Amino acid sequence: LLKGSTSTTRALCDRVEQYIRENYADPDLNISQVGQHFDMTPTYLSAQFKKETGVALLAYISNVRVEAAKQLLTLIRVFKKVTGMTPGQYKAAHSEE
C-alpha cells in the first residue's frame, strides 16, 4: 500500500494525526488501537509514521494529550479568575442546589 509513495504515506500520516486528535481522550487509545483502526500492524504503522514525521507514534499520542491538558489548565485558571473558585469548588457548591 505505501511502498514508494511518499504522498500516500503523508496522506496516511495526516489521517492518523487527525484520528488521534479526535480520539486522544479515549483512555484505551494506543498504538495497537490506531493500527487496528487503519487495518495495519502497529509496528508497521509506527515505523511509517516515524519515517514520515520524525516523531514516534506513541510520542505523538502523548504530545496531543499534553497539549489538551495545557488547554484545560488554562481554562481552569480563567474559570477561577471569573468565578473566584475552581471548577471542582464550583461543582461542589452548586451540587447542593
N, C-alpha and C. Protein backbone atom coordinates (compact mmCIF):
# COMPACT_ATOMS: atom_id res chain seq x y z
N LEU A 1 0.83 -1.21 0.00
CA LEU A 1 0.00 0.00 0.00
C LEU A 1 0.86 1.26 0.00
N LEU A 2 1.92 1.29 0.82
CA LEU A 2 2.67 2.53 0.97
C LEU A 2 4.02 2.53 0.26
N LYS A 3 4.42 1.39 -0.32
CA LYS A 3 5.75 1.29 -0.90
C LYS A 3 5.99 2.32 -1.99
N GLY A 4 7.04 3.10 -1.84
CA GLY A 4 7.47 4.04 -2.87
C GLY A 4 6.60 5.26 -3.06
N SER A 5 5.65 5.47 -2.19
CA SER A 5 4.74 6.60 -2.40
C SER A 5 4.75 7.51 -1.19
N THR A 6 5.56 8.55 -1.24
CA THR A 6 5.61 9.48 -0.11
C THR A 6 4.31 10.24 0.04
N SER A 7 3.64 10.58 -1.06
CA SER A 7 2.38 11.30 -0.93
C SER A 7 1.32 10.41 -0.27
N THR A 8 1.35 9.12 -0.57
CA THR A 8 0.41 8.20 0.08
C THR A 8 0.75 8.07 1.56
N THR A 9 2.03 7.98 1.87
CA THR A 9 2.45 7.89 3.27
C THR A 9 2.07 9.17 4.01
N ARG A 10 2.29 10.32 3.39
CA ARG A 10 1.93 11.60 4.02
C ARG A 10 0.43 11.67 4.27
N ALA A 11 -0.34 11.23 3.28
CA ALA A 11 -1.80 11.25 3.43
C ALA A 11 -2.23 10.34 4.58
N LEU A 12 -1.60 9.18 4.70
CA LEU A 12 -1.90 8.26 5.80
C LEU A 12 -1.56 8.93 7.13
N CYS A 13 -0.39 9.53 7.22
CA CYS A 13 0.02 10.18 8.46
C CYS A 13 -0.92 11.32 8.83
N ASP A 14 -1.38 12.05 7.84
CA ASP A 14 -2.37 13.11 8.10
C ASP A 14 -3.64 12.53 8.70
N ARG A 15 -4.08 11.40 8.15
CA ARG A 15 -5.30 10.75 8.67
C ARG A 15 -5.07 10.20 10.08
N VAL A 16 -3.88 9.65 10.33
CA VAL A 16 -3.54 9.14 11.66
C VAL A 16 -3.53 10.30 12.66
N GLU A 17 -2.91 11.41 12.29
CA GLU A 17 -2.87 12.57 13.18
C GLU A 17 -4.28 13.07 13.50
N GLN A 18 -5.12 13.13 12.49
CA GLN A 18 -6.50 13.57 12.70
C GLN A 18 -7.24 12.60 13.63
N TYR A 19 -7.08 11.32 13.38
CA TYR A 19 -7.73 10.30 14.22
C TYR A 19 -7.30 10.46 15.68
N ILE A 20 -6.02 10.66 15.89
CA ILE A 20 -5.51 10.81 17.26
C ILE A 20 -6.06 12.09 17.89
N ARG A 21 -6.07 13.19 17.16
CA ARG A 21 -6.62 14.45 17.70
C ARG A 21 -8.09 14.30 18.07
N GLU A 22 -8.83 13.49 17.32
CA GLU A 22 -10.25 13.31 17.59
C GLU A 22 -10.51 12.31 18.72
N ASN A 23 -9.54 11.44 19.02
CA ASN A 23 -9.77 10.35 19.98
C ASN A 23 -8.79 10.34 21.14
N TYR A 24 -8.00 11.40 21.33
CA TYR A 24 -6.97 11.40 22.36
C TYR A 24 -7.53 11.18 23.76
N ALA A 25 -8.76 11.56 23.99
CA ALA A 25 -9.35 11.45 25.33
C ALA A 25 -9.75 10.02 25.68
N ASP A 26 -9.77 9.13 24.70
CA ASP A 26 -10.08 7.73 24.94
C ASP A 26 -8.92 7.11 25.71
N PRO A 27 -9.14 6.67 26.95
CA PRO A 27 -8.03 6.12 27.73
C PRO A 27 -7.44 4.85 27.11
N ASP A 28 -8.19 4.20 26.24
CA ASP A 28 -7.70 2.98 25.59
C ASP A 28 -6.94 3.26 24.31
N LEU A 29 -6.82 4.52 23.92
CA LEU A 29 -6.11 4.85 22.69
C LEU A 29 -4.63 4.52 22.85
N ASN A 30 -4.13 3.69 21.97
CA ASN A 30 -2.72 3.33 21.97
C ASN A 30 -2.32 2.96 20.54
N ILE A 31 -1.08 2.58 20.36
CA ILE A 31 -0.58 2.26 19.03
C ILE A 31 -1.36 1.09 18.42
N SER A 32 -1.67 0.10 19.23
CA SER A 32 -2.41 -1.06 18.72
C SER A 32 -3.78 -0.67 18.20
N GLN A 33 -4.48 0.17 18.95
CA GLN A 33 -5.82 0.60 18.53
C GLN A 33 -5.74 1.42 17.25
N VAL A 34 -4.75 2.29 17.15
CA VAL A 34 -4.61 3.10 15.94
C VAL A 34 -4.30 2.19 14.75
N GLY A 35 -3.40 1.22 14.95
CA GLY A 35 -3.08 0.27 13.89
C GLY A 35 -4.31 -0.50 13.45
N GLN A 36 -5.09 -0.95 14.42
CA GLN A 36 -6.31 -1.70 14.11
C GLN A 36 -7.29 -0.83 13.32
N HIS A 37 -7.42 0.42 13.71
CA HIS A 37 -8.33 1.33 13.02
C HIS A 37 -7.95 1.48 11.55
N PHE A 38 -6.65 1.52 11.29
CA PHE A 38 -6.17 1.70 9.92
C PHE A 38 -5.83 0.37 9.24
N ASP A 39 -6.21 -0.73 9.89
CA ASP A 39 -6.01 -2.08 9.33
C ASP A 39 -4.54 -2.32 8.98
N MET A 40 -3.67 -1.96 9.91
CA MET A 40 -2.23 -2.17 9.75
C MET A 40 -1.66 -2.68 11.06
N THR A 41 -0.52 -3.37 10.98
CA THR A 41 0.12 -3.79 12.21
C THR A 41 0.66 -2.54 12.91
N PRO A 42 0.61 -2.54 14.23
CA PRO A 42 1.11 -1.38 14.97
C PRO A 42 2.59 -1.07 14.65
N THR A 43 3.38 -2.12 14.50
CA THR A 43 4.81 -1.93 14.22
C THR A 43 5.02 -1.24 12.88
N TYR A 44 4.30 -1.70 11.86
CA TYR A 44 4.45 -1.13 10.53
C TYR A 44 3.95 0.32 10.50
N LEU A 45 2.79 0.55 11.09
CA LEU A 45 2.24 1.90 11.11
C LEU A 45 3.17 2.84 11.87
N SER A 46 3.68 2.39 13.01
CA SER A 46 4.59 3.22 13.80
C SER A 46 5.84 3.56 13.01
N ALA A 47 6.39 2.59 12.30
CA ALA A 47 7.60 2.82 11.51
C ALA A 47 7.34 3.83 10.39
N GLN A 48 6.21 3.68 9.70
CA GLN A 48 5.87 4.60 8.62
C GLN A 48 5.63 6.01 9.16
N PHE A 49 4.95 6.09 10.30
CA PHE A 49 4.66 7.39 10.91
C PHE A 49 5.96 8.09 11.29
N LYS A 50 6.86 7.36 11.96
CA LYS A 50 8.13 7.97 12.38
C LYS A 50 8.97 8.36 11.17
N LYS A 51 8.99 7.51 10.15
CA LYS A 51 9.77 7.81 8.96
C LYS A 51 9.27 9.09 8.28
N GLU A 52 7.96 9.27 8.25
CA GLU A 52 7.38 10.43 7.57
C GLU A 52 7.41 11.69 8.42
N THR A 53 7.15 11.58 9.72
CA THR A 53 7.01 12.76 10.58
C THR A 53 8.23 13.06 11.44
N GLY A 54 9.05 12.04 11.66
CA GLY A 54 10.19 12.19 12.56
C GLY A 54 9.82 12.06 14.02
N VAL A 55 8.57 11.72 14.30
CA VAL A 55 8.08 11.58 15.67
C VAL A 55 7.52 10.18 15.84
N ALA A 56 7.86 9.53 16.95
CA ALA A 56 7.31 8.21 17.23
C ALA A 56 5.79 8.34 17.46
N LEU A 57 5.06 7.34 17.03
CA LEU A 57 3.60 7.39 17.14
C LEU A 57 3.14 7.52 18.58
N LEU A 58 3.73 6.78 19.48
CA LEU A 58 3.35 6.88 20.90
C LEU A 58 3.67 8.28 21.45
N ALA A 59 4.79 8.84 21.03
CA ALA A 59 5.15 10.19 21.47
C ALA A 59 4.14 11.20 20.92
N TYR A 60 3.66 10.99 19.69
CA TYR A 60 2.67 11.91 19.13
C TYR A 60 1.38 11.86 19.94
N ILE A 61 0.94 10.64 20.28
CA ILE A 61 -0.28 10.50 21.10
C ILE A 61 -0.10 11.23 22.43
N SER A 62 1.06 11.04 23.06
CA SER A 62 1.33 11.70 24.34
C SER A 62 1.37 13.22 24.19
N ASN A 63 1.99 13.70 23.13
CA ASN A 63 2.06 15.15 22.90
C ASN A 63 0.69 15.77 22.71
N VAL A 64 -0.18 15.09 21.99
CA VAL A 64 -1.55 15.60 21.79
C VAL A 64 -2.27 15.68 23.13
N ARG A 65 -2.09 14.66 23.95
CA ARG A 65 -2.74 14.64 25.27
C ARG A 65 -2.20 15.75 26.17
N VAL A 66 -0.90 15.97 26.14
CA VAL A 66 -0.30 17.02 26.97
C VAL A 66 -0.79 18.40 26.52
N GLU A 67 -0.85 18.62 25.23
CA GLU A 67 -1.35 19.90 24.72
C GLU A 67 -2.80 20.13 25.16
N ALA A 68 -3.61 19.09 25.13
CA ALA A 68 -5.00 19.21 25.58
C ALA A 68 -5.05 19.52 27.08
N ALA A 69 -4.17 18.89 27.85
CA ALA A 69 -4.12 19.15 29.29
C ALA A 69 -3.72 20.60 29.57
N LYS A 70 -2.79 21.13 28.79
CA LYS A 70 -2.40 22.54 28.94
C LYS A 70 -3.59 23.46 28.71
N GLN A 71 -4.40 23.14 27.72
CA GLN A 71 -5.58 23.96 27.44
C GLN A 71 -6.56 23.90 28.61
N LEU A 72 -6.71 22.71 29.20
CA LEU A 72 -7.60 22.58 30.35
C LEU A 72 -7.08 23.37 31.55
N LEU A 73 -5.76 23.37 31.73
CA LEU A 73 -5.19 24.16 32.83
C LEU A 73 -5.47 25.65 32.62
N THR A 74 -5.34 26.09 31.39
CA THR A 74 -5.64 27.49 31.08
C THR A 74 -7.11 27.78 31.37
N LEU A 75 -7.98 26.85 30.99
CA LEU A 75 -9.41 27.02 31.24
C LEU A 75 -9.68 27.11 32.75
N ILE A 76 -9.02 26.26 33.51
CA ILE A 76 -9.21 26.28 34.97
C ILE A 76 -8.80 27.64 35.54
N ARG A 77 -7.67 28.18 35.07
CA ARG A 77 -7.22 29.48 35.55
C ARG A 77 -8.23 30.58 35.22
N VAL A 78 -8.73 30.56 34.00
CA VAL A 78 -9.72 31.56 33.58
C VAL A 78 -11.01 31.38 34.38
N PHE A 79 -11.44 30.14 34.54
CA PHE A 79 -12.66 29.86 35.30
C PHE A 79 -12.53 30.41 36.72
N LYS A 80 -11.38 30.15 37.35
CA LYS A 80 -11.18 30.63 38.72
C LYS A 80 -11.14 32.15 38.77
N LYS A 81 -10.53 32.77 37.77
CA LYS A 81 -10.46 34.23 37.74
C LYS A 81 -11.86 34.84 37.62
N VAL A 82 -12.72 34.24 36.82
CA VAL A 82 -14.06 34.76 36.59
C VAL A 82 -14.99 34.46 37.76
N THR A 83 -14.93 33.22 38.28
CA THR A 83 -15.90 32.81 39.31
C THR A 83 -15.36 32.93 40.74
N GLY A 84 -14.03 33.02 40.87
CA GLY A 84 -13.45 33.07 42.20
C GLY A 84 -13.24 31.71 42.82
N MET A 85 -13.52 30.66 42.07
CA MET A 85 -13.32 29.30 42.58
C MET A 85 -12.96 28.37 41.42
N THR A 86 -12.37 27.24 41.79
CA THR A 86 -12.01 26.26 40.77
C THR A 86 -13.27 25.55 40.29
N PRO A 87 -13.22 24.88 39.15
CA PRO A 87 -14.39 24.13 38.68
C PRO A 87 -14.87 23.10 39.71
N GLY A 88 -13.92 22.45 40.39
CA GLY A 88 -14.31 21.48 41.43
C GLY A 88 -15.04 22.14 42.59
N GLN A 89 -14.55 23.29 43.01
CA GLN A 89 -15.21 24.03 44.09
C GLN A 89 -16.59 24.50 43.65
N TYR A 90 -16.66 24.98 42.41
CA TYR A 90 -17.94 25.44 41.86
C TYR A 90 -18.95 24.30 41.82
N LYS A 91 -18.51 23.15 41.36
CA LYS A 91 -19.39 21.98 41.27
C LYS A 91 -19.89 21.59 42.66
N ALA A 92 -18.98 21.55 43.62
CA ALA A 92 -19.37 21.17 44.99
C ALA A 92 -20.36 22.18 45.57
N ALA A 93 -20.14 23.45 45.32
CA ALA A 93 -21.01 24.49 45.86
C ALA A 93 -22.39 24.45 45.21
N HIS A 94 -22.46 24.08 43.94
CA HIS A 94 -23.72 24.11 43.24
C HIS A 94 -24.42 22.76 43.14
N SER A 95 -23.78 21.71 43.59
CA SER A 95 -24.43 20.40 43.54
C SER A 95 -25.48 20.26 44.64
N GLU A 96 -25.36 21.08 45.66
CA GLU A 96 -26.32 21.04 46.76
C GLU A 96 -27.62 21.71 46.41
N GLU A 97 -27.61 22.52 45.35
CA GLU A 97 -28.81 23.27 44.97
C GLU A 97 -29.80 22.40 44.24
